[in-house]
Amino acid sequence: MRALITGIGGFVGRHLLDHLQAAGDDVYGLGRAVDVEGLDDVRVVRADLFDKPAVERAVRETQPQAVYHLAARSSPAESLSDPWGTISNNLLGQFNLLEAILSAGLRSRVLVVGSSDEYGRVDAAEVPTAETAPLRPATPYAVSKVGQDMMGYQYFAQHGLPVIRVRPFNHTGPGHDARFVIPSFARQLAEIEIGTRDPVLKVGNLDVARDFTDVRDMVRAYRMAVDKGAAGDVYNLGSGRSTRLADTLAELIALCRVHAEAQVDPSLLRPSDIPRQEADNRKFVSLTGWQPRIAWHTTLRDTFDYWREKVREEKLCAS
């Protein structure tokens, strides 16, 4: 299948590229020049999703049968400091992409990637959370994802475009940047190991529980959703089990070669933190048979090893 990945230079995009190529797909990428450095084994069309004519040219040039729309601002915390930047970026980019597909006369199967954050603060009775739960976005990022989700449905309903919507729960792994919680822990511990940080990790609320999936399992789910998902429908993607951040941190600390302790940083506490998230993934699993293959301990070890290598390189460059 000829596939186009937007945001191909990002964390998930690079893992999706590896998975699609391993599956034998003919893969193209769309991304800004600054984001696609090092992607020498794939054909990349350099375009900003804000540039509608450039997006139209990219879609006509690549003629994709499947479009994986990953490009978006992805940080809930950063959306609080720049709400409109996040909302406008995520909505306008997707609008230009969907319009370009229609303009080219294509019937590409389009994966619109939402987020579990669309559900917001769910009641205890709503955990595990099904696709039928009310949407209660609590951050500008979540608002943008609800908008992308509903826009995807609108293009299916109005234009018959075969859009498949997914709401992935938390996913992480090697290559994930340290703005996010698991790689933040891993980076800090790697810095403690080589002596560039005091043996104290700065952490936020460790009492929350999240449904984590390895990114390499998540991109498998993305391809299955494009292949088997019903046009216009929406699917939760997640492991179906939740893990307390405190337990995850303890496991990472156990992997560390030196002593380290955690200290709460008030600046990392967010009123919108949701106590527990867990995906009701039965709809997607029943459709596709998808199950996570990578053990959580393996995800943590691989993420930690990635950051060990990264901080060693940074130390060498600084010396």
Foldseek 3Di string as FASTA:
>chain_A
DEEEEELLLADLNVLLVVVCVVVPYQYEYEEAPVRCPPVPPHHYQHDQLLPLVSLLVVCLVRVGQAYEYDDADDDQVVCQVVLVVRQCRLQSSLVSNLVSCVVNVHQHEYEQEAAPLQLFADDPVCPQPEPPHHGDHDGSNSVSRVNSLVVQLVCCVPVVRQYEYEHEWAEAFFPDDLVDDLLVLLLQLLCVLVVNDPQEREDADQQAKTFYAYSSLVSVLVVLCSVFNGGSYYFYDTQQDIDGSVVVSVLLCVVRPDHHYYDYDVVNYDPRDHRYYGHPGVVSCVRRVRHGDDDPSNRSVRSSVSSNVVVVVVVVVVD
